[in-house]
């Protein structure tokens, strides 16, 4: 009698859930690796993140130390990027300023995304009057320019880094809510959701176990792109004197302090301006590449 032969898995089909995740991450990396702009953006972002983490080790001077006799010095071997109007080392302040700017960008995006995702899923899943109420509130918030809304919030709460985070996060909520609502509406109409509901699963389980994992891609892409906007908004608030309080190093505040000496010592505004420009370009390039890589319509080559 012939012995039954065990059938192996078809080629390319993973045998475990863990290997499935590995295959997905590998496929995502391959798509990103083919996009030179996305990889350039990723390296720029990684560079600034490492710069912020290693700031205490890389700084050549105390970022808040004032040496009036050294004020407005041009870049030199002692002060690599020169000094500001009160003699503080710009290179050291640029390093520590990266910490503040990136922290505001990441935390405000995280807070706004969490609140927006919750509201968007509730609106898309339950619909009817809940959907109408949440979306009308979002429409009202989106009618205001982001910087004006952030200005109003910071003016009420007071100037500080934490209040800037709250203000920037508040404006992120309606954007994430609208994106998540649209994705939820398309997912909840699929047959497998009806089957899960017929099996007696609770709304909580359906939303967070079956709908949310299937709409993570647009959330991740929007979060990556919004970090750049958050950094610009936070820098603008600090430039206007409503952000991080001195003497804490922050790129927008450094721009504000150097604008009075732009003809006499342009390096004071040049270097923080370049830093803001590069980190925003980096997040935008990486976000665009991530969007293309996560797009299901994109064919694998």
C-alpha atoms as a PDB file:
ATOM      1  CA  UNK A   1       0.000   0.000   0.000  1.00  0.00           C
ATOM      2  CA  UNK A   2       1.342   3.351  -0.954  1.00  0.00           C
ATOM      3  CA  UNK A   3       2.087   5.596   1.947  1.00  0.00           C
ATOM      4  CA  UNK A   4       0.237   8.948   1.857  1.00  0.00           C
ATOM      5  CA  UNK A   5       2.598  11.726   1.043  1.00  0.00           C
ATOM      6  CA  UNK A   6       2.552  14.968   2.986  1.00  0.00           C
ATOM      7  CA  UNK A   7       1.921  17.959   0.807  1.00  0.00           C
ATOM      8  CA  UNK A   8       4.204  20.885   1.311  1.00  0.00           C
ATOM      9  CA  UNK A   9       3.019  24.460   1.256  1.00  0.00           C
ATOM     10  CA  UNK A  10       2.834  26.062  -2.166  1.00  0.00           C
ATOM     11  CA  UNK A  11       5.860  28.130  -3.136  1.00  0.00           C
ATOM     12  CA  UNK A  12       5.763  31.640  -1.752  1.00  0.00           C
ATOM     13  CA  UNK A  13       3.083  30.838   0.869  1.00  0.00           C
ATOM     14  CA  UNK A  14       4.418  31.285   4.427  1.00  0.00           C
ATOM     15  CA  UNK A  15       3.732  28.561   6.973  1.00  0.00           C
ATOM     16  CA  UNK A  16       3.185  30.703  10.049  1.00  0.00           C
ATOM     17  CA  UNK A  17       1.784  34.046  11.071  1.00  0.00           C
ATOM     18  CA  UNK A  18       5.225  35.244  12.070  1.00  0.00           C
ATOM     19  CA  UNK A  19       6.694  34.421   8.669  1.00  0.00           C
ATOM     20  CA  UNK A  20       3.750  36.206   7.023  1.00  0.00           C
ATOM     21  CA  UNK A  21       4.685  39.397   8.843  1.00  0.00           C
ATOM     22  CA  UNK A  22       8.317  38.907   7.874  1.00  0.00           C
ATOM     23  CA  UNK A  23       7.366  38.513   4.220  1.00  0.00           C
ATOM     24  CA  UNK A  24       5.240  41.672   4.360  1.00  0.00           C
ATOM     25  CA  UNK A  25       7.998  43.724   5.945  1.00  0.00           C
ATOM     26  CA  UNK A  26      10.490  42.369   3.408  1.00  0.00           C
ATOM     27  CA  UNK A  27       8.169  43.290   0.531  1.00  0.00           C
ATOM     28  CA  UNK A  28       7.667  46.779   1.984  1.00  0.00           C
ATOM     29  CA  UNK A  29      11.423  47.272   2.327  1.00  0.00           C
ATOM     30  CA  UNK A  30      11.984  46.165  -1.281  1.00  0.00           C
ATOM     31  CA  UNK A  31       9.457  48.694  -2.542  1.00  0.00           C
ATOM     32  CA  UNK A  32      11.004  51.462  -0.460  1.00  0.00           C
ATOM     33  CA  UNK A  33      14.521  50.485  -1.532  1.00  0.00           C
ATOM     34  CA  UNK A  34      13.555  50.944  -5.190  1.00  0.00           C
ATOM     35  CA  UNK A  35      12.366  54.489  -4.449  1.00  0.00           C
ATOM     36  CA  UNK A  36      15.530  56.602  -4.249  1.00  0.00           C
ATOM     37  CA  UNK A  37      13.663  59.682  -3.038  1.00  0.00           C
ATOM     38  CA  UNK A  38      12.065  57.714  -0.190  1.00  0.00           C
ATOM     39  CA  UNK A  39      15.416  56.276   0.874  1.00  0.00           C
ATOM     40  CA  UNK A  40      16.993  59.727   0.763  1.00  0.00           C
ATOM     41  CA  UNK A  41      14.182  61.007   2.989  1.00  0.00           C
ATOM     42  CA  UNK A  42      14.643  58.078   5.375  1.00  0.00           C
ATOM     43  CA  UNK A  43      18.369  58.797   5.707  1.00  0.00           C
ATOM     44  CA  UNK A  44      17.697  62.494   6.357  1.00  0.00           C
ATOM     45  CA  UNK A  45      15.154  61.656   9.066  1.00  0.00           C
ATOM     46  CA  UNK A  46      17.483  59.066  10.616  1.00  0.00           C
ATOM     47  CA  UNK A  47      20.331  61.595  10.580  1.00  0.00           C
ATOM     48  CA  UNK A  48      18.326  64.171  12.531  1.00  0.00           C
ATOM     49  CA  UNK A  49      16.951  61.574  14.951  1.00  0.00           C
ATOM     50  CA  UNK A  50      20.474  60.373  15.740  1.00  0.00           C
ATOM     51  CA  UNK A  51      21.610  63.983  16.014  1.00  0.00           C
ATOM     52  CA  UNK A  52      18.919  64.637  18.627  1.00  0.00           C
ATOM     53  CA  UNK A  53      19.663  61.460  20.579  1.00  0.00           C
ATOM     54  CA  UNK A  54      23.436  62.007  20.614  1.00  0.00           C
ATOM     55  CA  UNK A  55      23.244  65.769  21.244  1.00  0.00           C
ATOM     56  CA  UNK A  56      24.958  65.631  24.695  1.00  0.00           C
ATOM     57  CA  UNK A  57      27.853  63.669  23.178  1.00  0.00           C
ATOM     58  CA  UNK A  58      28.215  65.716  19.988  1.00  0.00           C
ATOM     59  CA  UNK A  59      27.808  69.201  21.449  1.00  0.00           C
ATOM     60  CA  UNK A  60      31.070  71.118  21.692  1.00  0.00           C
ATOM     61  CA  UNK A  61      29.734  73.718  24.168  1.00  0.00           C
ATOM     62  CA  UNK A  62      26.955  74.214  26.652  1.00  0.00           C
ATOM     63  CA  UNK A  63      24.014  75.267  24.442  1.00  0.00           C
ATOM     64  CA  UNK A  64      22.855  77.865  26.968  1.00  0.00           C
ATOM     65  CA  UNK A  65      26.250  79.275  27.956  1.00  0.00           C
ATOM     66  CA  UNK A  66      26.483  82.983  27.127  1.00  0.00           C
ATOM     67  CA  UNK A  67      29.886  84.488  26.360  1.00  0.00           C
ATOM     68  CA  UNK A  68      29.195  88.083  25.410  1.00  0.00           C
ATOM     69  CA  UNK A  69      32.747  88.643  24.214  1.00  0.00           C
ATOM     70  CA  UNK A  70      32.239  85.913  21.585  1.00  0.00           C
ATOM     71  CA  UNK A  71      28.936  87.185  20.217  1.00  0.00           C
ATOM     72  CA  UNK A  72      28.190  87.224  16.468  1.00  0.00           C
ATOM     73  CA  UNK A  73      31.316  85.261  15.576  1.00  0.00           C
ATOM     74  CA  UNK A  74      31.449  83.617  12.163  1.00  0.00           C
ATOM     75  CA  UNK A  75      32.026  79.847  11.836  1.00  0.00           C
ATOM     76  CA  UNK A  76      35.489  78.891  13.052  1.00  0.00           C
ATOM     77  CA  UNK A  77      37.452  75.961  14.441  1.00  0.00           C
ATOM     78  CA  UNK A  78      36.235  76.806  17.963  1.00  0.00           C
ATOM     79  CA  UNK A  79      32.624  77.494  17.037  1.00  0.00           C
ATOM     80  CA  UNK A  80      31.869  75.340  13.982  1.00  0.00           C
ATOM     81  CA  UNK A  81      28.678  77.197  13.021  1.00  0.00           C
ATOM     82  CA  UNK A  82      29.513  80.481  14.733  1.00  0.00           C
ATOM     83  CA  UNK A  83      27.812  82.126  17.706  1.00  0.00           C
ATOM     84  CA  UNK A  84      24.590  84.060  18.187  1.00  0.00           C
ATOM     85  CA  UNK A  85      23.902  87.561  19.500  1.00  0.00           C
ATOM     86  CA  UNK A  86      24.762  86.609  23.102  1.00  0.00           C
ATOM     87  CA  UNK A  87      27.748  84.384  22.360  1.00  0.00           C
ATOM     88  CA  UNK A  88      26.077  80.960  22.487  1.00  0.00           C
ATOM     89  CA  UNK A  89      27.445  78.211  20.248  1.00  0.00           C
ATOM     90  CA  UNK A  90      25.034  77.690  17.317  1.00  0.00           C
ATOM     91  CA  UNK A  91      26.187  74.142  16.567  1.00  0.00           C
ATOM     92  CA  UNK A  92      25.402  72.975  20.107  1.00  0.00           C
ATOM     93  CA  UNK A  93      22.071  74.787  20.123  1.00  0.00           C
ATOM     94  CA  UNK A  94      21.207  73.255  16.768  1.00  0.00           C
ATOM     95  CA  UNK A  95      21.782  69.762  18.181  1.00  0.00           C
ATOM     96  CA  UNK A  96      19.630  70.341  21.249  1.00  0.00           C
ATOM     97  CA  UNK A  97      17.059  72.209  19.170  1.00  0.00           C
ATOM     98  CA  UNK A  98      16.569  69.021  17.147  1.00  0.00           C
ATOM     99  CA  UNK A  99      15.398  67.335  20.340  1.00  0.00           C
ATOM    100  CA  UNK A 100      12.689  69.913  20.934  1.00  0.00           C
ATOM    101  CA  UNK A 101      11.502  70.113  17.325  1.00  0.00           C
ATOM    102  CA  UNK A 102      11.365  66.347  16.781  1.00  0.00           C
ATOM    103  CA  UNK A 103       9.728  65.757  20.165  1.00  0.00           C
ATOM    104  CA  UNK A 104       6.992  68.267  19.362  1.00  0.00           C
ATOM    105  CA  UNK A 105       6.539  66.741  15.903  1.00  0.00           C
ATOM    106  CA  UNK A 106       6.296  63.146  17.094  1.00  0.00           C
ATOM    107  CA  UNK A 107       4.201  63.716  20.236  1.00  0.00           C
ATOM    108  CA  UNK A 108       1.707  66.097  18.639  1.00  0.00           C
ATOM    109  CA  UNK A 109       1.222  63.709  15.713  1.00  0.00           C
ATOM    110  CA  UNK A 110       0.790  60.766  18.084  1.00  0.00           C
ATOM    111  CA  UNK A 111      -1.814  62.549  20.214  1.00  0.00           C
ATOM    112  CA  UNK A 112      -3.693  63.868  17.188  1.00  0.00           C
ATOM    113  CA  UNK A 113      -3.621  60.465  15.480  1.00  0.00           C
ATOM    114  CA  UNK A 114      -4.955  58.591  18.508  1.00  0.00           C
ATOM    115  CA  UNK A 115      -7.857  61.005  19.004  1.00  0.00           C
ATOM    116  CA  UNK A 116      -8.569  61.236  15.272  1.00  0.00           C
ATOM    117  CA  UNK A 117      -8.514  57.462  14.777  1.00  0.00           C
ATOM    118  CA  UNK A 118     -10.972  56.894  17.615  1.00  0.00           C
ATOM    119  CA  UNK A 119     -13.382  59.563  16.370  1.00  0.00           C
ATOM    120  CA  UNK A 120     -13.043  58.454  12.743  1.00  0.00           C
ATOM    121  CA  UNK A 121     -13.738  54.804  13.484  1.00  0.00           C
ATOM    122  CA  UNK A 122     -16.745  55.658  15.650  1.00  0.00           C
ATOM    123  CA  UNK A 123     -18.144  57.946  12.939  1.00  0.00           C
ATOM    124  CA  UNK A 124     -17.562  55.450  10.129  1.00  0.00           C
ATOM    125  CA  UNK A 125     -18.722  52.352  11.987  1.00  0.00           C
ATOM    126  CA  UNK A 126     -21.890  53.639  13.655  1.00  0.00           C
ATOM    127  CA  UNK A 127     -22.877  56.279  11.091  1.00  0.00           C
ATOM    128  CA  UNK A 128     -26.188  58.186  11.392  1.00  0.00           C
ATOM    129  CA  UNK A 129     -26.284  61.136  13.794  1.00  0.00           C
ATOM    130  CA  UNK A 130     -22.933  60.257  15.421  1.00  0.00           C
ATOM    131  CA  UNK A 131     -21.242  60.401  12.039  1.00  0.00           C
ATOM    132  CA  UNK A 132     -22.928  63.699  11.156  1.00  0.00           C
ATOM    133  CA  UNK A 133     -22.013  65.309  14.474  1.00  0.00           C
ATOM    134  CA  UNK A 134     -18.340  64.296  14.399  1.00  0.00           C
ATOM    135  CA  UNK A 135     -17.874  65.234  10.750  1.00  0.00           C
ATOM    136  CA  UNK A 136     -19.523  68.642  11.131  1.00  0.00           C
ATOM    137  CA  UNK A 137     -17.197  69.445  14.016  1.00  0.00           C
ATOM    138  CA  UNK A 138     -14.260  68.338  11.884  1.00  0.00           C
ATOM    139  CA  UNK A 139     -15.473  70.536   9.022  1.00  0.00           C
ATOM    140  CA  UNK A 140     -15.584  73.557  11.318  1.00  0.00           C
ATOM    141  CA  UNK A 141     -12.038  72.904  12.564  1.00  0.00           C
ATOM    142  CA  UNK A 142     -10.711  72.364   9.041  1.00  0.00           C
ATOM    143  CA  UNK A 143     -12.195  75.708   7.993  1.00  0.00           C
ATOM    144  CA  UNK A 144      -9.488  77.453  10.036  1.00  0.00           C
ATOM    145  CA  UNK A 145      -5.868  77.557   8.844  1.00  0.00           C
ATOM    146  CA  UNK A 146      -3.730  75.362  11.074  1.00  0.00           C
ATOM    147  CA  UNK A 147      -1.397  78.116  12.224  1.00  0.00           C
ATOM    148  CA  UNK A 148      -4.301  80.390  13.215  1.00  0.00           C
ATOM    149  CA  UNK A 149      -5.978  77.633  15.205  1.00  0.00           C
ATOM    150  CA  UNK A 150      -2.694  76.805  16.918  1.00  0.00           C
ATOM    151  CA  UNK A 151      -2.138  80.502  17.665  1.00  0.00           C
ATOM    152  CA  UNK A 152      -5.554  80.778  19.281  1.00  0.00           C
ATOM    153  CA  UNK A 153      -5.023  77.694  21.443  1.00  0.00           C
ATOM    154  CA  UNK A 154      -1.524  78.699  22.588  1.00  0.00           C
ATOM    155  CA  UNK A 155      -2.734  82.229  23.314  1.00  0.00           C
ATOM    156  CA  UNK A 156      -5.353  80.800  25.662  1.00  0.00           C
ATOM    157  CA  UNK A 157      -3.167  78.130  27.287  1.00  0.00           C
ATOM    158  CA  UNK A 158       0.046  80.165  27.428  1.00  0.00           C
ATOM    159  CA  UNK A 159       3.440  79.861  25.752  1.00  0.00           C
ATOM    160  CA  UNK A 160       5.229  76.595  26.524  1.00  0.00           C
ATOM    161  CA  UNK A 161       6.441  73.470  24.728  1.00  0.00           C
ATOM    162  CA  UNK A 162       3.679  71.263  26.117  1.00  0.00           C
ATOM    163  CA  UNK A 163       0.984  73.729  25.061  1.00  0.00           C
ATOM    164  CA  UNK A 164       2.461  73.836  21.546  1.00  0.00           C
ATOM    165  CA  UNK A 165       2.172  70.045  21.444  1.00  0.00           C
ATOM    166  CA  UNK A 166      -1.485  70.236  22.482  1.00  0.00           C
ATOM    167  CA  UNK A 167      -2.220  72.965  19.931  1.00  0.00           C
ATOM    168  CA  UNK A 168      -0.604  71.149  17.006  1.00  0.00           C
ATOM    169  CA  UNK A 169      -2.199  67.844  18.038  1.00  0.00           C
ATOM    170  CA  UNK A 170      -5.642  69.452  18.210  1.00  0.00           C
ATOM    171  CA  UNK A 171      -5.458  70.534  14.593  1.00  0.00           C
ATOM    172  CA  UNK A 172      -4.343  67.034  13.530  1.00  0.00           C
ATOM    173  CA  UNK A 173      -7.497  65.399  14.901  1.00  0.00           C
ATOM    174  CA  UNK A 174      -9.973  66.316  12.110  1.00  0.00           C
ATOM    175  CA  UNK A 175      -7.513  65.300   9.367  1.00  0.00           C
ATOM    176  CA  UNK A 176      -6.983  61.843  10.835  1.00  0.00           C
ATOM    177  CA  UNK A 177     -10.686  61.495  11.631  1.00  0.00           C
ATOM    178  CA  UNK A 178     -11.743  62.076   8.018  1.00  0.00           C
ATOM    179  CA  UNK A 179      -9.147  59.652   6.632  1.00  0.00           C
ATOM    180  CA  UNK A 180     -10.060  56.919   9.118  1.00  0.00           C
ATOM    181  CA  UNK A 181     -13.803  57.428   8.604  1.00  0.00           C
ATOM    182  CA  UNK A 182     -13.476  56.888   4.855  1.00  0.00           C
ATOM    183  CA  UNK A 183     -11.372  53.764   5.307  1.00  0.00           C
ATOM    184  CA  UNK A 184     -13.764  52.398   7.931  1.00  0.00           C
ATOM    185  CA  UNK A 185     -16.765  52.903   5.654  1.00  0.00           C
ATOM    186  CA  UNK A 186     -15.130  50.811   2.937  1.00  0.00           C
ATOM    187  CA  UNK A 187     -13.957  48.029   5.266  1.00  0.00           C
ATOM    188  CA  UNK A 188     -17.187  47.593   7.230  1.00  0.00           C
ATOM    189  CA  UNK A 189     -19.099  46.801   4.005  1.00  0.00           C
ATOM    190  CA  UNK A 190     -16.984  43.720   3.299  1.00  0.00           C
ATOM    191  CA  UNK A 191     -18.468  40.263   3.762  1.00  0.00           C
ATOM    192  CA  UNK A 192     -16.014  39.060   6.393  1.00  0.00           C
ATOM    193  CA  UNK A 193     -17.182  41.834   8.755  1.00  0.00           C
ATOM    194  CA  UNK A 194     -20.793  40.647   8.336  1.00  0.00           C
ATOM    195  CA  UNK A 195     -19.667  37.096   9.064  1.00  0.00           C
ATOM    196  CA  UNK A 196     -17.813  38.132  12.209  1.00  0.00           C
ATOM    197  CA  UNK A 197     -20.808  40.123  13.387  1.00  0.00           C
ATOM    198  CA  UNK A 198     -23.119  37.116  12.727  1.00  0.00           C
ATOM    199  CA  UNK A 199     -20.855  34.999  14.949  1.00  0.00           C
ATOM    200  CA  UNK A 200     -21.690  37.290  17.859  1.00  0.00           C
ATOM    201  CA  UNK A 201     -18.521  39.395  18.085  1.00  0.00           C
ATOM    202  CA  UNK A 202     -18.889  42.667  19.952  1.00  0.00           C
ATOM    203  CA  UNK A 203     -18.500  46.033  18.265  1.00  0.00           C
ATOM    204  CA  UNK A 204     -15.334  46.654  20.265  1.00  0.00           C
ATOM    205  CA  UNK A 205     -13.749  43.439  18.992  1.00  0.00           C
ATOM    206  CA  UNK A 206     -14.804  44.091  15.397  1.00  0.00           C
ATOM    207  CA  UNK A 207     -13.452  47.640  15.457  1.00  0.00           C
ATOM    208  CA  UNK A 208     -10.089  47.068  17.117  1.00  0.00           C
ATOM    209  CA  UNK A 209      -9.311  43.520  16.009  1.00  0.00           C
ATOM    210  CA  UNK A 210     -10.619  43.463  12.445  1.00  0.00           C
ATOM    211  CA  UNK A 211     -11.192  47.005  11.139  1.00  0.00           C
ATOM    212  CA  UNK A 212      -8.291  48.937  12.679  1.00  0.00           C
ATOM    213  CA  UNK A 213      -5.526  46.541  11.487  1.00  0.00           C
ATOM    214  CA  UNK A 214      -6.886  46.825   7.945  1.00  0.00           C
ATOM    215  CA  UNK A 215      -6.760  50.637   7.853  1.00  0.00           C
ATOM    216  CA  UNK A 216      -3.321  51.173   9.380  1.00  0.00           C
ATOM    217  CA  UNK A 217      -1.625  51.949   6.069  1.00  0.00           C
ATOM    218  CA  UNK A 218      -3.263  55.353   5.424  1.00  0.00           C
ATOM    219  CA  UNK A 219      -2.870  56.229   9.114  1.00  0.00           C
ATOM    220  CA  UNK A 220       0.883  55.540   9.040  1.00  0.00           C
ATOM    221  CA  UNK A 221       1.352  57.504   5.831  1.00  0.00           C
ATOM    222  CA  UNK A 222      -0.620  60.496   7.111  1.00  0.00           C
ATOM    223  CA  UNK A 223       1.282  60.448  10.407  1.00  0.00           C
ATOM    224  CA  UNK A 224       4.624  60.492   8.593  1.00  0.00           C
ATOM    225  CA  UNK A 225       3.568  63.428   6.443  1.00  0.00           C
ATOM    226  CA  UNK A 226       1.973  65.330   9.334  1.00  0.00           C
ATOM    227  CA  UNK A 227       5.160  65.284  11.402  1.00  0.00           C
ATOM    228  CA  UNK A 228       6.683  67.687   8.876  1.00  0.00           C
ATOM    229  CA  UNK A 229       3.701  70.048   9.190  1.00  0.00           C
ATOM    230  CA  UNK A 230       3.864  69.812  12.974  1.00  0.00           C
ATOM    231  CA  UNK A 231       7.538  70.815  13.009  1.00  0.00           C
ATOM    232  CA  UNK A 232       6.847  73.808  10.755  1.00  0.00           C
ATOM    233  CA  UNK A 233       3.894  74.926  12.898  1.00  0.00           C
ATOM    234  CA  UNK A 234       5.850  74.539  16.136  1.00  0.00           C
ATOM    235  CA  UNK A 235       8.767  76.503  14.671  1.00  0.00           C
ATOM    236  CA  UNK A 236       6.396  79.247  13.520  1.00  0.00           C
ATOM    237  CA  UNK A 237       4.894  79.538  16.996  1.00  0.00           C
ATOM    238  CA  UNK A 238       8.351  79.751  18.569  1.00  0.00           C
ATOM    239  CA  UNK A 239       9.357  82.340  15.975  1.00  0.00           C
ATOM    240  CA  UNK A 240       6.392  84.455  17.112  1.00  0.00           C
ATOM    241  CA  UNK A 241       7.355  84.019  20.757  1.00  0.00           C
ATOM    242  CA  UNK A 242       4.488  81.642  21.611  1.00  0.00           C
ATOM    243  CA  UNK A 243       6.426  78.398  21.682  1.00  0.00           C
ATOM    244  CA  UNK A 244       9.361  77.086  23.683  1.00  0.00           C
ATOM    245  CA  UNK A 245      10.531  79.590  26.272  1.00  0.00           C
ATOM    246  CA  UNK A 246      14.145  80.843  26.243  1.00  0.00           C
ATOM    247  CA  UNK A 247      16.875  79.936  26.881  1.00  0.00           C
ATOM    248  CA  UNK A 248      15.838  76.457  25.676  1.00  0.00           C
ATOM    249  CA  UNK A 249      17.237  75.835  22.195  1.00  0.00           C
ATOM    250  CA  UNK A 250      14.578  75.538  19.482  1.00  0.00           C
ATOM    251  CA  UNK A 251      14.971  76.088  15.746  1.00  0.00           C
ATOM    252  CA  UNK A 252      12.093  78.536  15.358  1.00  0.00           C
ATOM    253  CA  UNK A 253      13.271  80.583  18.343  1.00  0.00           C
ATOM    254  CA  UNK A 254      16.796  80.614  16.911  1.00  0.00           C
ATOM    255  CA  UNK A 255      15.414  82.035  13.660  1.00  0.00           C
ATOM    256  CA  UNK A 256      13.530  84.702  15.582  1.00  0.00           C
ATOM    257  CA  UNK A 257      16.595  85.728  17.577  1.00  0.00           C
ATOM    258  CA  UNK A 258      18.777  85.950  14.484  1.00  0.00           C
ATOM    259  CA  UNK A 259      16.441  87.914  12.214  1.00  0.00           C
ATOM    260  CA  UNK A 260      17.676  91.220  13.661  1.00  0.00           C
ATOM    261  CA  UNK A 261      21.250  90.390  12.601  1.00  0.00           C
ATOM    262  CA  UNK A 262      20.540  88.833   9.209  1.00  0.00           C
ATOM    263  CA  UNK A 263      22.728  91.356   7.350  1.00  0.00           C
ATOM    264  CA  UNK A 264      25.491  91.462   9.950  1.00  0.00           C
ATOM    265  CA  UNK A 265      25.606  87.751  10.872  1.00  0.00           C
ATOM    266  CA  UNK A 266      23.474  85.696   8.432  1.00  0.00           C
ATOM    267  CA  UNK A 267      24.773  82.401   9.829  1.00  0.00           C
ATOM    268  CA  UNK A 268      22.538  82.811  12.898  1.00  0.00           C
ATOM    269  CA  UNK A 269      19.409  82.287  10.803  1.00  0.00           C
ATOM    270  CA  UNK A 270      20.972  80.267   7.975  1.00  0.00           C
ATOM    271  CA  UNK A 271      21.759  77.070   9.872  1.00  0.00           C
ATOM    272  CA  UNK A 272      18.482  76.617  11.812  1.00  0.00           C
ATOM    273  CA  UNK A 273      16.626  77.491   8.611  1.00  0.00           C
ATOM    274  CA  UNK A 274      18.501  74.786   6.709  1.00  0.00           C
ATOM    275  CA  UNK A 275      17.796  72.305   9.513  1.00  0.00           C
ATOM    276  CA  UNK A 276      14.043  72.966   9.350  1.00  0.00           C
ATOM    277  CA  UNK A 277      14.111  72.739   5.549  1.00  0.00           C
ATOM    278  CA  UNK A 278      15.992  69.438   5.490  1.00  0.00           C
ATOM    279  CA  UNK A 279      13.952  67.655   8.158  1.00  0.00           C
ATOM    280  CA  UNK A 280      10.678  68.705   6.521  1.00  0.00           C
ATOM    281  CA  UNK A 281      11.912  67.550   3.109  1.00  0.00           C
ATOM    282  CA  UNK A 282      13.059  64.283   4.665  1.00  0.00           C
ATOM    283  CA  UNK A 283       9.679  63.470   6.218  1.00  0.00           C
ATOM    284  CA  UNK A 284       7.820  64.471   3.046  1.00  0.00           C
ATOM    285  CA  UNK A 285      10.015  62.330   0.800  1.00  0.00           C
ATOM    286  CA  UNK A 286       9.782  59.353   3.132  1.00  0.00           C
ATOM    287  CA  UNK A 287       6.034  59.788   3.569  1.00  0.00           C
ATOM    288  CA  UNK A 288       5.456  59.928  -0.191  1.00  0.00           C
ATOM    289  CA  UNK A 289       7.551  56.796  -0.688  1.00  0.00           C
ATOM    290  CA  UNK A 290       5.759  55.013   2.122  1.00  0.00           C
ATOM    291  CA  UNK A 291       2.398  55.901   0.566  1.00  0.00           C
ATOM    292  CA  UNK A 292       3.469  54.421  -2.763  1.00  0.00           C
ATOM    293  CA  UNK A 293       4.866  51.287  -1.090  1.00  0.00           C
ATOM    294  CA  UNK A 294       1.706  50.660   0.933  1.00  0.00           C
ATOM    295  CA  UNK A 295      -0.641  51.328  -1.992  1.00  0.00           C
ATOM    296  CA  UNK A 296      -2.305  47.983  -2.848  1.00  0.00           C
ATOM    297  CA  UNK A 297      -2.675  49.140  -6.443  1.00  0.00           C
ATOM    298  CA  UNK A 298       1.078  49.232  -6.851  1.00  0.00           C
ATOM    299  CA  UNK A 299       2.336  46.118  -8.596  1.00  0.00           C
ATOM    300  CA  UNK A 300       5.211  44.139  -7.209  1.00  0.00           C
ATOM    301  CA  UNK A 301       8.110  43.981  -9.635  1.00  0.00           C
END
